[in-house]
Amino acid sequence: EKMASAKFAWNEAPPPSVDQLAAQYDSKMGAAFEMFDSSRFVEAALLFEGAADVCALVSKGDAQTTAWVSRKVKALNNSAACNDKLGRLEAAARGYAAARAHLTSAWSDYMFPSLWDSSYASMLAHVDKKLGMMPRDTRGAHVGLGVDVASVLDVGKQMVLEAVELYKAAEFARALPLLEQALAIHEKHAPTDGITLATIANNLASTHAEMGHEAEARALYLRALQIGGATDEQRAHVKKKLALLGKRAGTPQAAGAAQDASSRGNAAGDIEVDGPSAAQPPATAEPS
């Protein structure tokens, strides 16, 4: 039987509102600046990229507002700055070029150019200055860029480990963006690694639950149940967490939803949710 895909359509939670997306953006940017200030530029770059990805979820009308254009440009610019610090000049040039392209595209989309905010011109001048400092052979918009997948995945696992420690310290707001970015990293670079994906999804759900985000937590628990590679042991753990969430929310039918979800799509695989075993990388530890 064909193993269920580790990534699937996630429809259990309603689309986030503009305010929720703004909160997600601020959370990722805050975590990124914290990494940047600690000279952890690899982690910072990935979190800034995650913040830029949040901007892509905003509706076209909202995305063209000054606030959202500014958010995306700042995220792209800071990600490029991190790559510049790391000596990844091609990646830095691509980031600055992407920021410039987004600015100029927003400018051209305005029906009334006179409404162009002065801050846009300032941002454009800054990006142009940065781009001009890049070596000439790196400035093209389509410069080839190799990605060291193993290194990126290692960073993702380290983010999970740090998030678990933050969770234990009840610093859930700081743990949240690290787990979100770790999940995005593994979905992109290791979509068939059900072991890690399901565990991160579960950890992220637990963090949302502690923050009182019941809809997000429930959707993530259901998501973990549907990822190919989960063992009966891990599914049982997730169903238990889902049932506890249902009791907390006064909706005992959540346990039934967990049973339905687990029977929909998983045929094989082994993962562990409660914590690392001898065969399990420590980066997939379960925070609760």
C-alpha atoms as a PDB file:
ATOM      1  CA  GLU A   1       0.000   0.000   0.000  1.00  0.00           C
ATOM      2  CA  LYS A   2       1.325   3.413  -0.889  1.00  0.00           C
ATOM      3  CA  MET A   3       2.461   5.431   2.103  1.00  0.00           C
ATOM      4  CA  ALA A   4       0.442   8.555   2.747  1.00  0.00           C
ATOM      5  CA  SER A   5       2.206  11.791   1.897  1.00  0.00           C
ATOM      6  CA  ALA A   6       3.868  13.539   4.796  1.00  0.00           C
ATOM      7  CA  LYS A   7       2.362  16.817   3.604  1.00  0.00           C
ATOM      8  CA  PHE A   8      -1.361  17.082   3.034  1.00  0.00           C
ATOM      9  CA  ALA A   9      -4.170  19.556   2.644  1.00  0.00           C
ATOM     10  CA  TRP A  10      -4.836  21.020   6.063  1.00  0.00           C
ATOM     11  CA  ASN A  11      -8.394  22.235   6.227  1.00  0.00           C
ATOM     12  CA  GLU A  12      -9.347  21.658   9.844  1.00  0.00           C
ATOM     13  CA  ALA A  13      -8.520  25.247  10.915  1.00  0.00           C
ATOM     14  CA  PRO A  14      -9.965  28.391   9.313  1.00  0.00           C
ATOM     15  CA  PRO A  15      -7.588  30.586   7.308  1.00  0.00           C
ATOM     16  CA  PRO A  16      -5.727  33.011   9.569  1.00  0.00           C
ATOM     17  CA  SER A  17      -6.953  36.578   9.685  1.00  0.00           C
ATOM     18  CA  VAL A  18      -4.771  39.531   8.730  1.00  0.00           C
ATOM     19  CA  ASP A  19      -4.235  40.256  12.425  1.00  0.00           C
ATOM     20  CA  GLN A  20      -3.182  36.648  13.067  1.00  0.00           C
ATOM     21  CA  LEU A  21      -0.755  36.779  10.133  1.00  0.00           C
ATOM     22  CA  ALA A  22       0.685  40.011  11.471  1.00  0.00           C
ATOM     23  CA  ALA A  23       1.203  38.305  14.844  1.00  0.00           C
ATOM     24  CA  GLN A  24       2.916  35.355  13.123  1.00  0.00           C
ATOM     25  CA  TYR A  25       5.151  37.754  11.222  1.00  0.00           C
ATOM     26  CA  ASP A  26       6.100  39.656  14.370  1.00  0.00           C
ATOM     27  CA  SER A  27       6.815  36.404  16.188  1.00  0.00           C
ATOM     28  CA  LYS A  28       9.169  35.143  13.464  1.00  0.00           C
ATOM     29  CA  MET A  29      10.899  38.502  13.098  1.00  0.00           C
ATOM     30  CA  GLY A  30      11.413  38.732  16.861  1.00  0.00           C
ATOM     31  CA  ALA A  31      12.973  35.275  16.967  1.00  0.00           C
ATOM     32  CA  ALA A  32      15.108  36.112  13.928  1.00  0.00           C
ATOM     33  CA  PHE A  33      16.488  39.295  15.471  1.00  0.00           C
ATOM     34  CA  GLU A  34      17.250  37.366  18.655  1.00  0.00           C
ATOM     35  CA  MET A  35      19.297  34.899  16.602  1.00  0.00           C
ATOM     36  CA  PHE A  36      20.936  37.729  14.652  1.00  0.00           C
ATOM     37  CA  ASP A  37      21.978  39.501  17.847  1.00  0.00           C
ATOM     38  CA  SER A  38      23.596  36.239  18.968  1.00  0.00           C
ATOM     39  CA  SER A  39      25.494  36.043  15.645  1.00  0.00           C
ATOM     40  CA  ARG A  40      23.529  32.932  14.687  1.00  0.00           C
ATOM     41  CA  PHE A  41      23.060  34.104  11.145  1.00  0.00           C
ATOM     42  CA  VAL A  42      22.015  30.762   9.617  1.00  0.00           C
ATOM     43  CA  GLU A  43      19.053  30.427  11.973  1.00  0.00           C
ATOM     44  CA  ALA A  44      18.248  34.122  11.627  1.00  0.00           C
ATOM     45  CA  ALA A  45      18.215  33.904   7.824  1.00  0.00           C
ATOM     46  CA  LEU A  46      15.781  30.989   7.881  1.00  0.00           C
ATOM     47  CA  LEU A  47      13.458  32.778  10.310  1.00  0.00           C
ATOM     48  CA  PHE A  48      13.532  35.969   8.241  1.00  0.00           C
ATOM     49  CA  GLU A  49      12.641  33.849   5.190  1.00  0.00           C
ATOM     50  CA  GLY A  50       9.787  32.361   7.193  1.00  0.00           C
ATOM     51  CA  ALA A  51       8.528  35.852   7.972  1.00  0.00           C
ATOM     52  CA  ALA A  52       8.606  36.694   4.262  1.00  0.00           C
ATOM     53  CA  ASP A  53       6.613  33.527   3.580  1.00  0.00           C
ATOM     54  CA  VAL A  54       3.923  34.728   6.004  1.00  0.00           C
ATOM     55  CA  CYS A  55       3.509  37.831   3.834  1.00  0.00           C
ATOM     56  CA  ALA A  56       2.696  35.592   0.865  1.00  0.00           C
ATOM     57  CA  LEU A  57      -0.399  34.355   2.732  1.00  0.00           C
ATOM     58  CA  VAL A  58      -1.955  37.808   2.857  1.00  0.00           C
ATOM     59  CA  SER A  59      -4.660  38.602   0.318  1.00  0.00           C
ATOM     60  CA  LYS A  60      -3.587  40.632  -2.708  1.00  0.00           C
ATOM     61  CA  GLY A  61      -5.430  43.730  -1.549  1.00  0.00           C
ATOM     62  CA  ASP A  62      -3.811  43.683   1.893  1.00  0.00           C
ATOM     63  CA  ALA A  63      -0.423  42.697   0.479  1.00  0.00           C
ATOM     64  CA  GLN A  64      -0.285  45.937  -1.525  1.00  0.00           C
ATOM     65  CA  THR A  65      -0.696  48.130   1.529  1.00  0.00           C
ATOM     66  CA  THR A  66       2.302  50.048   2.791  1.00  0.00           C
ATOM     67  CA  ALA A  67       2.451  47.986   5.976  1.00  0.00           C
ATOM     68  CA  TRP A  68       2.637  44.593   4.258  1.00  0.00           C
ATOM     69  CA  VAL A  69       4.974  45.697   1.486  1.00  0.00           C
ATOM     70  CA  SER A  70       7.256  47.081   4.175  1.00  0.00           C
ATOM     71  CA  ARG A  71       7.057  43.857   6.183  1.00  0.00           C
ATOM     72  CA  LYS A  72       8.028  41.650   3.272  1.00  0.00           C
ATOM     73  CA  VAL A  73      10.858  43.913   2.148  1.00  0.00           C
ATOM     74  CA  LYS A  74      12.259  44.077   5.680  1.00  0.00           C
ATOM     75  CA  ALA A  75      12.168  40.281   5.976  1.00  0.00           C
ATOM     76  CA  LEU A  76      13.859  39.765   2.603  1.00  0.00           C
ATOM     77  CA  ASN A  77      16.415  42.482   3.288  1.00  0.00           C
ATOM     78  CA  ASN A  78      17.341  41.063   6.684  1.00  0.00           C
ATOM     79  CA  SER A  79      17.590  37.527   5.326  1.00  0.00           C
ATOM     80  CA  ALA A  80      19.952  38.849   2.661  1.00  0.00           C
ATOM     81  CA  ALA A  81      21.974  40.652   5.334  1.00  0.00           C
ATOM     82  CA  CYS A  82      22.375  37.368   7.234  1.00  0.00           C
ATOM     83  CA  ASN A  83      23.649  35.636   4.105  1.00  0.00           C
ATOM     84  CA  ASP A  84      25.996  38.567   3.541  1.00  0.00           C
ATOM     85  CA  LYS A  85      27.371  38.072   7.069  1.00  0.00           C
ATOM     86  CA  LEU A  86      27.884  34.381   6.283  1.00  0.00           C
ATOM     87  CA  GLY A  87      29.775  35.167   3.083  1.00  0.00           C
ATOM     88  CA  ARG A  88      27.001  33.680   0.955  1.00  0.00           C
ATOM     89  CA  LEU A  89      27.161  36.493  -1.548  1.00  0.00           C
ATOM     90  CA  GLU A  90      24.995  34.867  -4.223  1.00  0.00           C
ATOM     91  CA  ALA A  91      22.233  34.217  -1.705  1.00  0.00           C
ATOM     92  CA  ALA A  92      22.582  37.756  -0.348  1.00  0.00           C
ATOM     93  CA  ALA A  93      22.371  39.254  -3.838  1.00  0.00           C
ATOM     94  CA  ARG A  94      19.273  37.202  -4.598  1.00  0.00           C
ATOM     95  CA  GLY A  95      17.657  38.383  -1.394  1.00  0.00           C
ATOM     96  CA  TYR A  96      18.350  42.035  -2.077  1.00  0.00           C
ATOM     97  CA  ALA A  97      17.165  41.590  -5.679  1.00  0.00           C
ATOM     98  CA  ALA A  98      13.942  39.967  -4.437  1.00  0.00           C
ATOM     99  CA  ALA A  99      13.364  42.850  -2.028  1.00  0.00           C
ATOM    100  CA  ARG A 100      13.912  45.351  -4.822  1.00  0.00           C
ATOM    101  CA  ALA A 101      11.613  43.463  -7.186  1.00  0.00           C
ATOM    102  CA  HIS A 102       8.856  43.407  -4.577  1.00  0.00           C
ATOM    103  CA  LEU A 103       9.172  47.129  -3.976  1.00  0.00           C
ATOM    104  CA  THR A 104       9.139  48.084  -7.646  1.00  0.00           C
ATOM    105  CA  SER A 105       6.241  45.719  -8.329  1.00  0.00           C
ATOM    106  CA  ALA A 106       4.208  47.297  -5.529  1.00  0.00           C
ATOM    107  CA  TRP A 107       5.040  50.727  -6.897  1.00  0.00           C
ATOM    108  CA  SER A 108       3.857  49.848 -10.406  1.00  0.00           C
ATOM    109  CA  ASP A 109       0.636  48.307  -9.027  1.00  0.00           C
ATOM    110  CA  TYR A 110      -0.473  51.600  -7.499  1.00  0.00           C
ATOM    111  CA  MET A 111      -3.281  53.245  -9.456  1.00  0.00           C
ATOM    112  CA  PHE A 112      -2.138  56.657  -8.242  1.00  0.00           C
ATOM    113  CA  PRO A 113       1.672  56.946  -8.104  1.00  0.00           C
ATOM    114  CA  SER A 114       1.312  60.041  -5.940  1.00  0.00           C
ATOM    115  CA  LEU A 115       0.218  57.745  -3.128  1.00  0.00           C
ATOM    116  CA  TRP A 116       3.665  56.158  -3.126  1.00  0.00           C
ATOM    117  CA  ASP A 117       4.809  56.395   0.465  1.00  0.00           C
ATOM    118  CA  SER A 118       8.105  58.185   1.082  1.00  0.00           C
ATOM    119  CA  SER A 119       9.215  55.218   3.175  1.00  0.00           C
ATOM    120  CA  TYR A 120       9.133  53.101  -0.002  1.00  0.00           C
ATOM    121  CA  ALA A 121      11.654  55.378  -1.670  1.00  0.00           C
ATOM    122  CA  SER A 122      13.835  55.163   1.414  1.00  0.00           C
ATOM    123  CA  MET A 123      13.657  51.355   1.437  1.00  0.00           C
ATOM    124  CA  LEU A 124      14.421  51.229  -2.280  1.00  0.00           C
ATOM    125  CA  ALA A 125      17.481  53.423  -1.822  1.00  0.00           C
ATOM    126  CA  HIS A 126      18.698  51.183   1.004  1.00  0.00           C
ATOM    127  CA  VAL A 127      18.215  47.979  -0.996  1.00  0.00           C
ATOM    128  CA  ASP A 128      19.878  49.506  -4.075  1.00  0.00           C
ATOM    129  CA  LYS A 129      22.845  50.518  -1.933  1.00  0.00           C
ATOM    130  CA  LYS A 130      23.164  46.987  -0.552  1.00  0.00           C
ATOM    131  CA  LEU A 131      22.749  45.417  -3.974  1.00  0.00           C
ATOM    132  CA  GLY A 132      25.379  47.768  -5.381  1.00  0.00           C
ATOM    133  CA  MET A 133      27.857  46.518  -2.786  1.00  0.00           C
ATOM    134  CA  MET A 134      27.535  42.946  -4.056  1.00  0.00           C
ATOM    135  CA  PRO A 135      30.181  41.636  -6.517  1.00  0.00           C
ATOM    136  CA  ARG A 136      29.008  42.188 -10.093  1.00  0.00           C
ATOM    137  CA  ASP A 137      28.835  38.490 -10.903  1.00  0.00           C
ATOM    138  CA  THR A 138      26.322  37.912  -8.084  1.00  0.00           C
ATOM    139  CA  ARG A 139      23.818  40.640  -8.891  1.00  0.00           C
ATOM    140  CA  GLY A 140      21.683  38.809 -11.453  1.00  0.00           C
ATOM    141  CA  ALA A 141      18.163  37.947 -10.391  1.00  0.00           C
ATOM    142  CA  HIS A 142      18.606  34.321 -11.432  1.00  0.00           C
ATOM    143  CA  VAL A 143      21.977  33.494  -9.912  1.00  0.00           C
ATOM    144  CA  GLY A 144      22.252  29.767  -9.280  1.00  0.00           C
ATOM    145  CA  LEU A 145      22.271  28.867  -5.591  1.00  0.00           C
ATOM    146  CA  GLY A 146      23.084  25.468  -4.188  1.00  0.00           C
ATOM    147  CA  VAL A 147      21.457  24.472  -0.906  1.00  0.00           C
ATOM    148  CA  ASP A 148      23.249  22.278   1.602  1.00  0.00           C
ATOM    149  CA  VAL A 149      20.152  20.321   2.607  1.00  0.00           C
ATOM    150  CA  ALA A 150      21.881  18.389   5.379  1.00  0.00           C
ATOM    151  CA  SER A 151      23.049  21.586   7.037  1.00  0.00           C
ATOM    152  CA  VAL A 152      19.622  23.195   6.756  1.00  0.00           C
ATOM    153  CA  LEU A 153      17.980  20.140   8.298  1.00  0.00           C
ATOM    154  CA  ASP A 154      20.521  20.179  11.130  1.00  0.00           C
ATOM    155  CA  VAL A 155      19.553  23.788  11.818  1.00  0.00           C
ATOM    156  CA  GLY A 156      15.900  22.760  11.857  1.00  0.00           C
ATOM    157  CA  LYS A 157      16.602  20.030  14.395  1.00  0.00           C
ATOM    158  CA  GLN A 158      18.546  22.460  16.557  1.00  0.00           C
ATOM    159  CA  MET A 159      15.554  24.802  16.474  1.00  0.00           C
ATOM    160  CA  VAL A 160      13.380  21.973  17.771  1.00  0.00           C
ATOM    161  CA  LEU A 161      15.799  21.250  20.610  1.00  0.00           C
ATOM    162  CA  GLU A 162      15.838  24.896  21.620  1.00  0.00           C
ATOM    163  CA  ALA A 163      12.061  25.098  21.366  1.00  0.00           C
ATOM    164  CA  VAL A 164      11.709  22.101  23.686  1.00  0.00           C
ATOM    165  CA  GLU A 165      13.874  23.831  26.297  1.00  0.00           C
ATOM    166  CA  LEU A 166      11.843  27.026  25.914  1.00  0.00           C
ATOM    167  CA  TYR A 167       8.664  24.968  26.286  1.00  0.00           C
ATOM    168  CA  LYS A 168       9.942  23.450  29.513  1.00  0.00           C
ATOM    169  CA  ALA A 169      10.648  26.974  30.762  1.00  0.00           C
ATOM    170  CA  ALA A 170       7.057  27.959  29.855  1.00  0.00           C
ATOM    171  CA  GLU A 171       8.350  30.419  27.232  1.00  0.00           C
ATOM    172  CA  PHE A 172       5.803  29.294  24.690  1.00  0.00           C
ATOM    173  CA  ALA A 173       5.768  32.493  22.620  1.00  0.00           C
ATOM    174  CA  ARG A 174       9.506  32.099  21.993  1.00  0.00           C
ATOM    175  CA  ALA A 175       9.221  28.388  21.235  1.00  0.00           C
ATOM    176  CA  LEU A 176       6.419  28.858  18.701  1.00  0.00           C
ATOM    177  CA  PRO A 177       8.318  30.519  15.799  1.00  0.00           C
ATOM    178  CA  LEU A 178      11.207  28.051  16.133  1.00  0.00           C
ATOM    179  CA  LEU A 179       8.863  25.071  15.790  1.00  0.00           C
ATOM    180  CA  GLU A 180       6.959  26.705  12.931  1.00  0.00           C
ATOM    181  CA  GLN A 181      10.166  27.305  11.025  1.00  0.00           C
ATOM    182  CA  ALA A 182      11.521  23.830  11.797  1.00  0.00           C
ATOM    183  CA  LEU A 183       8.332  22.317  10.390  1.00  0.00           C
ATOM    184  CA  ALA A 184       8.590  24.470   7.252  1.00  0.00           C
ATOM    185  CA  ILE A 185      12.229  23.442   6.787  1.00  0.00           C
ATOM    186  CA  HIS A 186      11.462  19.731   7.010  1.00  0.00           C
ATOM    187  CA  GLU A 187       8.382  19.997   4.790  1.00  0.00           C
ATOM    188  CA  LYS A 188      10.507  21.643   2.108  1.00  0.00           C
ATOM    189  CA  HIS A 189      13.715  19.634   2.348  1.00  0.00           C
ATOM    190  CA  ALA A 190      12.609  16.275   3.809  1.00  0.00           C
ATOM    191  CA  PRO A 191       8.914  15.823   2.913  1.00  0.00           C
ATOM    192  CA  THR A 192       9.098  12.026   3.231  1.00  0.00           C
ATOM    193  CA  ASP A 193      10.654  12.042   6.712  1.00  0.00           C
ATOM    194  CA  GLY A 194       7.454  11.264   8.550  1.00  0.00           C
ATOM    195  CA  ILE A 195       9.309  10.616  11.787  1.00  0.00           C
ATOM    196  CA  THR A 196      10.517  14.152  12.206  1.00  0.00           C
ATOM    197  CA  LEU A 197       7.532  15.850  10.593  1.00  0.00           C
ATOM    198  CA  ALA A 198       4.969  14.183  12.815  1.00  0.00           C
ATOM    199  CA  THR A 199       6.945  14.878  15.962  1.00  0.00           C
ATOM    200  CA  ILE A 200       7.464  18.552  15.145  1.00  0.00           C
ATOM    201  CA  ALA A 201       3.771  18.903  14.275  1.00  0.00           C
ATOM    202  CA  ASN A 202       2.880  17.352  17.629  1.00  0.00           C
ATOM    203  CA  ASN A 203       5.314  19.611  19.484  1.00  0.00           C
ATOM    204  CA  LEU A 204       3.918  22.660  17.727  1.00  0.00           C
ATOM    205  CA  ALA A 205       0.385  21.553  18.621  1.00  0.00           C
ATOM    206  CA  SER A 206       1.357  21.208  22.282  1.00  0.00           C
ATOM    207  CA  THR A 207       2.805  24.720  22.243  1.00  0.00           C
ATOM    208  CA  HIS A 208      -0.337  26.172  20.700  1.00  0.00           C
ATOM    209  CA  ALA A 209      -2.418  24.320  23.302  1.00  0.00           C
ATOM    210  CA  GLU A 210      -0.425  25.846  26.147  1.00  0.00           C
ATOM    211  CA  MET A 211      -0.999  29.282  24.621  1.00  0.00           C
ATOM    212  CA  GLY A 212      -4.747  28.701  24.456  1.00  0.00           C
ATOM    213  CA  HIS A 213      -4.819  28.386  20.653  1.00  0.00           C
ATOM    214  CA  GLU A 214      -7.182  25.429  20.640  1.00  0.00           C
ATOM    215  CA  ALA A 215      -8.162  25.490  16.946  1.00  0.00           C
ATOM    216  CA  GLU A 216      -4.531  25.579  15.827  1.00  0.00           C
ATOM    217  CA  ALA A 217      -3.558  22.856  18.292  1.00  0.00           C
ATOM    218  CA  ARG A 218      -6.380  20.562  17.196  1.00  0.00           C
ATOM    219  CA  ALA A 219      -5.542  21.015  13.508  1.00  0.00           C
ATOM    220  CA  LEU A 220      -1.888  20.197  14.150  1.00  0.00           C
ATOM    221  CA  TYR A 221      -2.676  17.080  16.191  1.00  0.00           C
ATOM    222  CA  LEU A 222      -4.901  15.872  13.357  1.00  0.00           C
ATOM    223  CA  ARG A 223      -2.141  16.723  10.934  1.00  0.00           C
ATOM    224  CA  ALA A 224       0.356  14.643  12.923  1.00  0.00           C
ATOM    225  CA  LEU A 225      -2.024  11.682  12.790  1.00  0.00           C
ATOM    226  CA  GLN A 226      -2.205  11.847   9.008  1.00  0.00           C
ATOM    227  CA  ILE A 227       1.523  11.997   8.317  1.00  0.00           C
ATOM    228  CA  GLY A 228       2.844   8.808   6.777  1.00  0.00           C
ATOM    229  CA  GLY A 229       5.364   7.097   9.030  1.00  0.00           C
ATOM    230  CA  ALA A 230       3.579   7.225  12.376  1.00  0.00           C
ATOM    231  CA  THR A 231       3.480   4.106  14.543  1.00  0.00           C
ATOM    232  CA  ASP A 232       0.464   2.974  16.519  1.00  0.00           C
ATOM    233  CA  GLU A 233       2.318   4.106  19.645  1.00  0.00           C
ATOM    234  CA  GLN A 234       2.708   7.644  18.390  1.00  0.00           C
ATOM    235  CA  ARG A 235      -0.819   7.840  17.056  1.00  0.00           C
ATOM    236  CA  ALA A 236      -2.093   6.692  20.443  1.00  0.00           C
ATOM    237  CA  HIS A 237      -0.100   9.461  22.104  1.00  0.00           C
ATOM    238  CA  VAL A 238      -1.426  12.114  19.737  1.00  0.00           C
ATOM    239  CA  LYS A 239      -5.001  10.865  20.133  1.00  0.00           C
ATOM    240  CA  LYS A 240      -4.580  11.116  23.890  1.00  0.00           C
ATOM    241  CA  LYS A 241      -3.387  14.700  23.567  1.00  0.00           C
ATOM    242  CA  LEU A 242      -6.277  15.478  21.228  1.00  0.00           C
ATOM    243  CA  ALA A 243      -8.774  14.009  23.664  1.00  0.00           C
ATOM    244  CA  LEU A 244      -7.302  16.062  26.515  1.00  0.00           C
ATOM    245  CA  LEU A 245      -7.580  19.149  24.344  1.00  0.00           C
ATOM    246  CA  GLY A 246     -11.225  18.301  23.687  1.00  0.00           C
ATOM    247  CA  LYS A 247     -11.942  18.020  27.400  1.00  0.00           C
ATOM    248  CA  ARG A 248     -10.231  21.339  28.045  1.00  0.00           C
ATOM    249  CA  ALA A 249     -12.351  22.954  25.346  1.00  0.00           C
ATOM    250  CA  GLY A 250     -15.492  21.133  26.426  1.00  0.00           C
ATOM    251  CA  THR A 251     -15.704  19.199  23.158  1.00  0.00           C
ATOM    252  CA  PRO A 252     -15.275  15.474  23.931  1.00  0.00           C
ATOM    253  CA  GLN A 253     -16.075  14.681  20.294  1.00  0.00           C
ATOM    254  CA  ALA A 254     -12.444  15.575  19.556  1.00  0.00           C
ATOM    255  CA  ALA A 255     -11.487  12.056  20.551  1.00  0.00           C
ATOM    256  CA  GLY A 256     -13.764  10.745  17.834  1.00  0.00           C
ATOM    257  CA  ALA A 257     -12.167  13.137  15.359  1.00  0.00           C
ATOM    258  CA  ALA A 258      -8.786  11.719  16.296  1.00  0.00           C
ATOM    259  CA  GLN A 259      -9.967   8.193  15.611  1.00  0.00           C
ATOM    260  CA  ASP A 260     -11.379   9.221  12.246  1.00  0.00           C
ATOM    261  CA  ALA A 261      -8.175  11.013  11.294  1.00  0.00           C
ATOM    262  CA  SER A 262      -5.922   8.115  12.208  1.00  0.00           C
ATOM    263  CA  SER A 263      -7.942   5.702  10.103  1.00  0.00           C
ATOM    264  CA  ARG A 264      -7.929   7.906   7.015  1.00  0.00           C
ATOM    265  CA  GLY A 265      -4.449   7.707   5.698  1.00  0.00           C
ATOM    266  CA  ASN A 266      -1.575   5.977   7.478  1.00  0.00           C
ATOM    267  CA  ALA A 267      -0.433   2.492   6.682  1.00  0.00           C
ATOM    268  CA  ALA A 268       3.187   2.280   7.709  1.00  0.00           C
ATOM    269  CA  GLY A 269       6.147   3.770   9.496  1.00  0.00           C
ATOM    270  CA  ASP A 270       7.609   4.379  12.929  1.00  0.00           C
ATOM    271  CA  ILE A 271       7.944   7.539  14.947  1.00  0.00           C
ATOM    272  CA  GLU A 272       8.023   8.347  18.613  1.00  0.00           C
ATOM    273  CA  VAL A 273       6.284  11.318  20.137  1.00  0.00           C
ATOM    274  CA  ASP A 274       7.046  11.093  23.846  1.00  0.00           C
ATOM    275  CA  GLY A 275      10.768  11.575  23.465  1.00  0.00           C
ATOM    276  CA  PRO A 276      13.950  10.327  21.867  1.00  0.00           C
ATOM    277  CA  SER A 277      14.850   6.695  21.901  1.00  0.00           C
ATOM    278  CA  ALA A 278      18.144   5.063  20.956  1.00  0.00           C
ATOM    279  CA  ALA A 279      17.070   5.140  17.324  1.00  0.00           C
ATOM    280  CA  GLN A 280      15.458   8.576  17.456  1.00  0.00           C
ATOM    281  CA  PRO A 281      17.394  11.833  16.889  1.00  0.00           C
ATOM    282  CA  PRO A 282      17.231  13.948  20.061  1.00  0.00           C
ATOM    283  CA  ALA A 283      16.029  16.928  18.037  1.00  0.00           C
ATOM    284  CA  THR A 284      12.596  15.355  17.778  1.00  0.00           C
ATOM    285  CA  ALA A 285      11.982  15.319  21.531  1.00  0.00           C
ATOM    286  CA  GLU A 286       8.412  15.858  22.663  1.00  0.00           C
ATOM    287  CA  PRO A 287       7.972  18.914  24.898  1.00  0.00           C
ATOM    288  CA  SER A 288       5.018  17.568  26.831  1.00  0.00           C
END
